[in-house]
Amino acid sequence: MRNTTVDRLGYEAIAQYLGETVESSETRLASLETQMATLQKTLSQLNLTVASLQKQLITPTPPQPSPQGKPQPDAELLEDEPDEILYDFLPPEER
C-alpha cells in the first residue's frame, strides 16, 4: 500500500475517472531529483566560468605584437592632431 493521504487518493481517482494523467509522488520526486542534478551541474559550470573570468581580471594579459612584428603603440603615447577650428564648412559671412 502506498503512503498517501485520503485526499490524494481521491484526487488521483477523480483524475483517472476523467482520463487525466496524474503524477504520483514518486514520479514527482524523481522529476525533482533530476532537475536538482541538472541545476547542480549548471551551477558548477557557472562557478568555473566565474572563477576563470576573475582570474583573467586579476592577471592582465600582455599586449600582443602586431602582425608585422612591430609593437603596438600605447594609446597614451599617441599624439592628437593640433587643435584647430575648421571654418570651411561655415557660410562665408560667418568665417
N, C-alpha and C. Protein backbone atom coordinates (compact mmCIF):
# COMPACT_ATOMS: atom_id res chain seq x y z
N MET A 1 0.84 -1.18 0.00
CA MET A 1 0.00 0.00 0.00
C MET A 1 0.89 1.24 0.00
N ARG A 2 0.44 2.23 -0.74
CA ARG A 2 1.20 3.47 -0.83
C ARG A 2 0.97 4.32 0.41
N ASN A 3 1.93 5.15 0.69
CA ASN A 3 1.84 6.03 1.85
C ASN A 3 1.31 7.38 1.37
N THR A 4 0.00 7.46 1.09
CA THR A 4 -0.61 8.70 0.62
C THR A 4 -1.82 9.03 1.47
N THR A 5 -2.23 10.28 1.39
CA THR A 5 -3.39 10.71 2.16
C THR A 5 -4.67 10.36 1.43
N VAL A 6 -5.77 10.42 2.14
CA VAL A 6 -7.08 10.15 1.56
C VAL A 6 -7.40 11.20 0.49
N ASP A 7 -7.03 12.43 0.77
CA ASP A 7 -7.27 13.50 -0.21
C ASP A 7 -6.54 13.22 -1.52
N ARG A 8 -5.30 12.78 -1.42
CA ARG A 8 -4.52 12.48 -2.61
C ARG A 8 -5.13 11.31 -3.37
N LEU A 9 -5.57 10.29 -2.67
CA LEU A 9 -6.21 9.14 -3.33
C LEU A 9 -7.48 9.58 -4.05
N GLY A 10 -8.27 10.44 -3.41
CA GLY A 10 -9.48 10.95 -4.05
C GLY A 10 -9.15 11.75 -5.29
N TYR A 11 -8.13 12.59 -5.20
CA TYR A 11 -7.68 13.39 -6.34
C TYR A 11 -7.26 12.50 -7.49
N GLU A 12 -6.46 11.49 -7.21
CA GLU A 12 -5.99 10.57 -8.25
C GLU A 12 -7.15 9.79 -8.85
N ALA A 13 -8.13 9.37 -8.02
CA ALA A 13 -9.28 8.60 -8.51
C ALA A 13 -10.12 9.46 -9.45
N ILE A 14 -10.38 10.71 -9.08
CA ILE A 14 -11.17 11.60 -9.94
C ILE A 14 -10.42 11.87 -11.24
N ALA A 15 -9.13 12.10 -11.15
CA ALA A 15 -8.34 12.36 -12.35
C ALA A 15 -8.35 11.16 -13.27
N GLN A 16 -8.23 9.97 -12.71
CA GLN A 16 -8.26 8.75 -13.52
C GLN A 16 -9.62 8.58 -14.16
N TYR A 17 -10.68 8.86 -13.44
CA TYR A 17 -12.04 8.75 -13.96
C TYR A 17 -12.23 9.72 -15.13
N LEU A 18 -11.67 10.91 -15.03
CA LEU A 18 -11.79 11.92 -16.09
C LEU A 18 -10.79 11.70 -17.22
N GLY A 19 -9.93 10.71 -17.09
CA GLY A 19 -8.96 10.41 -18.14
C GLY A 19 -7.72 11.28 -18.09
N GLU A 20 -7.51 11.96 -16.98
CA GLU A 20 -6.34 12.80 -16.80
C GLU A 20 -5.19 11.95 -16.27
N THR A 21 -3.97 12.36 -16.62
CA THR A 21 -2.82 11.68 -16.03
C THR A 21 -2.37 12.48 -14.83
N VAL A 22 -2.11 11.79 -13.76
CA VAL A 22 -1.69 12.42 -12.52
C VAL A 22 -0.33 11.86 -12.15
N GLU A 23 0.58 12.78 -11.85
CA GLU A 23 1.89 12.33 -11.40
C GLU A 23 1.77 11.85 -9.96
N SER A 24 2.33 10.70 -9.71
CA SER A 24 2.36 10.21 -8.33
C SER A 24 3.48 10.93 -7.59
N SER A 25 3.49 10.79 -6.31
CA SER A 25 4.53 11.43 -5.50
C SER A 25 5.91 10.93 -5.90
N GLU A 26 5.99 9.63 -6.21
CA GLU A 26 7.28 9.05 -6.60
C GLU A 26 7.77 9.65 -7.92
N THR A 27 6.85 9.82 -8.86
CA THR A 27 7.21 10.38 -10.16
C THR A 27 7.64 11.83 -10.00
N ARG A 28 6.91 12.60 -9.19
CA ARG A 28 7.25 13.99 -8.96
C ARG A 28 8.60 14.10 -8.27
N LEU A 29 8.87 13.21 -7.31
CA LEU A 29 10.14 13.23 -6.60
C LEU A 29 11.30 12.93 -7.55
N ALA A 30 11.11 11.92 -8.41
CA ALA A 30 12.16 11.58 -9.37
C ALA A 30 12.42 12.74 -10.33
N SER A 31 11.35 13.40 -10.76
CA SER A 31 11.50 14.55 -11.65
C SER A 31 12.25 15.67 -10.95
N LEU A 32 11.91 15.95 -9.71
CA LEU A 32 12.60 17.00 -8.96
C LEU A 32 14.07 16.65 -8.72
N GLU A 33 14.36 15.39 -8.47
CA GLU A 33 15.75 14.97 -8.28
C GLU A 33 16.56 15.16 -9.56
N THR A 34 15.95 14.88 -10.70
CA THR A 34 16.62 15.08 -11.99
C THR A 34 16.88 16.56 -12.23
N GLN A 35 15.88 17.38 -11.94
CA GLN A 35 16.04 18.82 -12.10
C GLN A 35 17.13 19.35 -11.17
N MET A 36 17.17 18.84 -9.95
CA MET A 36 18.17 19.28 -8.98
C MET A 36 19.58 18.91 -9.46
N ALA A 37 19.74 17.72 -10.00
CA ALA A 37 21.06 17.31 -10.51
C ALA A 37 21.49 18.20 -11.66
N THR A 38 20.55 18.53 -12.54
CA THR A 38 20.86 19.41 -13.66
C THR A 38 21.26 20.80 -13.17
N LEU A 39 20.53 21.32 -12.18
CA LEU A 39 20.86 22.63 -11.63
C LEU A 39 22.23 22.63 -10.95
N GLN A 40 22.55 21.55 -10.25
CA GLN A 40 23.86 21.47 -9.60
C GLN A 40 24.98 21.46 -10.63
N LYS A 41 24.77 20.74 -11.72
CA LYS A 41 25.78 20.68 -12.78
C LYS A 41 25.95 22.06 -13.42
N THR A 42 24.85 22.73 -13.68
CA THR A 42 24.89 24.06 -14.28
C THR A 42 25.58 25.05 -13.34
N LEU A 43 25.26 24.97 -12.06
CA LEU A 43 25.88 25.85 -11.08
C LEU A 43 27.38 25.61 -10.99
N SER A 44 27.78 24.37 -11.06
CA SER A 44 29.21 24.04 -11.03
C SER A 44 29.93 24.64 -12.23
N GLN A 45 29.32 24.52 -13.41
CA GLN A 45 29.92 25.10 -14.62
C GLN A 45 29.98 26.62 -14.52
N LEU A 46 28.93 27.21 -13.96
CA LEU A 46 28.90 28.66 -13.79
C LEU A 46 29.99 29.12 -12.83
N ASN A 47 30.19 28.38 -11.75
CA ASN A 47 31.26 28.71 -10.81
C ASN A 47 32.63 28.66 -11.48
N LEU A 48 32.86 27.67 -12.32
CA LEU A 48 34.13 27.57 -13.04
C LEU A 48 34.32 28.75 -13.99
N THR A 49 33.25 29.14 -14.67
CA THR A 49 33.32 30.27 -15.59
C THR A 49 33.63 31.56 -14.84
N VAL A 50 32.95 31.77 -13.72
CA VAL A 50 33.19 32.98 -12.92
C VAL A 50 34.63 33.01 -12.41
N ALA A 51 35.11 31.88 -11.93
CA ALA A 51 36.49 31.82 -11.43
C ALA A 51 37.48 32.13 -12.55
N SER A 52 37.22 31.61 -13.74
CA SER A 52 38.11 31.87 -14.87
C SER A 52 38.09 33.35 -15.24
N LEU A 53 36.92 33.96 -15.25
CA LEU A 53 36.83 35.38 -15.58
C LEU A 53 37.50 36.24 -14.51
N GLN A 54 37.35 35.87 -13.25
CA GLN A 54 38.01 36.61 -12.19
C GLN A 54 39.53 36.51 -12.32
N LYS A 55 40.01 35.34 -12.68
CA LYS A 55 41.44 35.15 -12.86
C LYS A 55 41.96 36.02 -14.00
N GLN A 56 41.17 36.13 -15.08
CA GLN A 56 41.58 36.97 -16.21
C GLN A 56 41.62 38.44 -15.80
N LEU A 57 40.70 38.86 -14.94
CA LEU A 57 40.69 40.25 -14.50
C LEU A 57 41.88 40.55 -13.60
N ILE A 58 42.27 39.59 -12.79
CA ILE A 58 43.38 39.79 -11.86
C ILE A 58 44.71 39.75 -12.59
N THR A 59 44.85 38.87 -13.57
CA THR A 59 46.09 38.73 -14.31
C THR A 59 45.92 39.33 -15.69
N PRO A 60 46.37 40.57 -15.89
CA PRO A 60 46.20 41.17 -17.22
C PRO A 60 47.08 40.47 -18.24
N THR A 61 46.59 40.38 -19.44
CA THR A 61 47.37 39.75 -20.50
C THR A 61 48.31 40.78 -21.10
N PRO A 62 49.52 40.37 -21.44
CA PRO A 62 50.47 41.33 -22.04
C PRO A 62 50.00 41.70 -23.44
N PRO A 63 50.39 42.88 -23.92
CA PRO A 63 49.97 43.29 -25.27
C PRO A 63 50.56 42.35 -26.31
N GLN A 64 49.76 42.05 -27.30
CA GLN A 64 50.19 41.15 -28.36
C GLN A 64 50.89 41.95 -29.45
N PRO A 65 51.97 41.40 -30.04
CA PRO A 65 52.65 42.13 -31.12
C PRO A 65 51.75 42.21 -32.35
N SER A 66 51.95 43.26 -33.13
CA SER A 66 51.16 43.42 -34.34
C SER A 66 51.57 42.37 -35.36
N PRO A 67 50.73 42.14 -36.37
CA PRO A 67 51.06 41.11 -37.37
C PRO A 67 52.38 41.38 -38.10
N GLN A 68 52.80 42.64 -38.23
CA GLN A 68 54.06 42.94 -38.93
C GLN A 68 55.25 42.75 -38.01
N GLY A 69 55.03 42.40 -36.74
CA GLY A 69 56.13 42.22 -35.81
C GLY A 69 56.49 43.49 -35.08
N LYS A 70 55.83 44.61 -35.39
CA LYS A 70 56.10 45.86 -34.71
C LYS A 70 55.23 45.93 -33.46
N PRO A 71 55.76 46.46 -32.38
CA PRO A 71 54.93 46.58 -31.18
C PRO A 71 53.83 47.60 -31.39
N GLN A 72 52.69 47.35 -30.76
CA GLN A 72 51.56 48.26 -30.84
C GLN A 72 51.86 49.50 -30.01
N PRO A 73 51.65 50.68 -30.53
CA PRO A 73 51.87 51.88 -29.73
C PRO A 73 50.78 52.01 -28.67
N ASP A 74 51.17 52.49 -27.52
CA ASP A 74 50.19 52.71 -26.46
C ASP A 74 49.31 53.88 -26.85
N ALA A 75 48.05 53.82 -26.46
CA ALA A 75 47.11 54.89 -26.79
C ALA A 75 47.54 56.19 -26.12
N GLU A 76 48.18 56.10 -24.96
CA GLU A 76 48.59 57.30 -24.24
C GLU A 76 49.74 58.03 -24.95
N LEU A 77 50.53 57.28 -25.69
CA LEU A 77 51.69 57.88 -26.34
C LEU A 77 51.35 58.52 -27.68
N LEU A 78 50.19 58.20 -28.21
CA LEU A 78 49.81 58.79 -29.49
C LEU A 78 49.49 60.26 -29.29
N GLU A 79 49.99 61.06 -30.20
CA GLU A 79 49.72 62.50 -30.10
C GLU A 79 48.46 62.81 -30.89
N ASP A 80 47.65 63.66 -30.32
CA ASP A 80 46.49 64.13 -31.04
C ASP A 80 46.92 65.15 -32.07
N GLU A 81 46.09 65.31 -33.06
CA GLU A 81 46.35 66.37 -34.02
C GLU A 81 46.19 67.70 -33.30
N PRO A 82 46.88 68.72 -33.77
CA PRO A 82 46.75 70.01 -33.10
C PRO A 82 45.29 70.48 -33.14
N ASP A 83 44.92 71.16 -32.10
CA ASP A 83 43.57 71.69 -32.05
C ASP A 83 43.46 72.82 -33.08
N GLU A 84 42.55 72.67 -33.97
CA GLU A 84 42.33 73.71 -34.95
C GLU A 84 40.84 73.78 -35.24
N ILE A 85 40.40 74.92 -35.59
CA ILE A 85 39.00 75.11 -35.91
C ILE A 85 38.87 75.13 -37.42
N LEU A 86 38.03 74.32 -37.92
CA LEU A 86 37.81 74.26 -39.37
C LEU A 86 36.63 75.16 -39.71
N TYR A 87 36.92 76.14 -40.55
CA TYR A 87 35.89 77.10 -40.90
C TYR A 87 35.32 76.84 -42.30
N ASP A 88 35.87 75.90 -43.03
CA ASP A 88 35.48 75.69 -44.42
C ASP A 88 34.00 75.36 -44.58
N PHE A 89 33.41 74.75 -43.62
CA PHE A 89 32.02 74.34 -43.75
C PHE A 89 31.04 75.47 -43.42
N LEU A 90 31.56 76.55 -42.84
CA LEU A 90 30.69 77.67 -42.47
C LEU A 90 30.39 78.53 -43.69
N PRO A 91 29.24 79.19 -43.70
CA PRO A 91 28.96 80.13 -44.80
C PRO A 91 29.98 81.27 -44.76
N PRO A 92 30.24 81.91 -45.89
CA PRO A 92 31.29 82.95 -45.98
C PRO A 92 31.09 84.08 -44.97
N GLU A 93 29.86 84.45 -44.68
CA GLU A 93 29.66 85.58 -43.76
C GLU A 93 30.00 85.22 -42.31
N GLU A 94 30.10 83.94 -42.00
CA GLU A 94 30.43 83.53 -40.64
C GLU A 94 31.89 83.14 -40.45
N ARG A 95 32.69 83.20 -41.50
CA ARG A 95 34.09 82.79 -41.41
C ARG A 95 34.93 83.80 -40.75
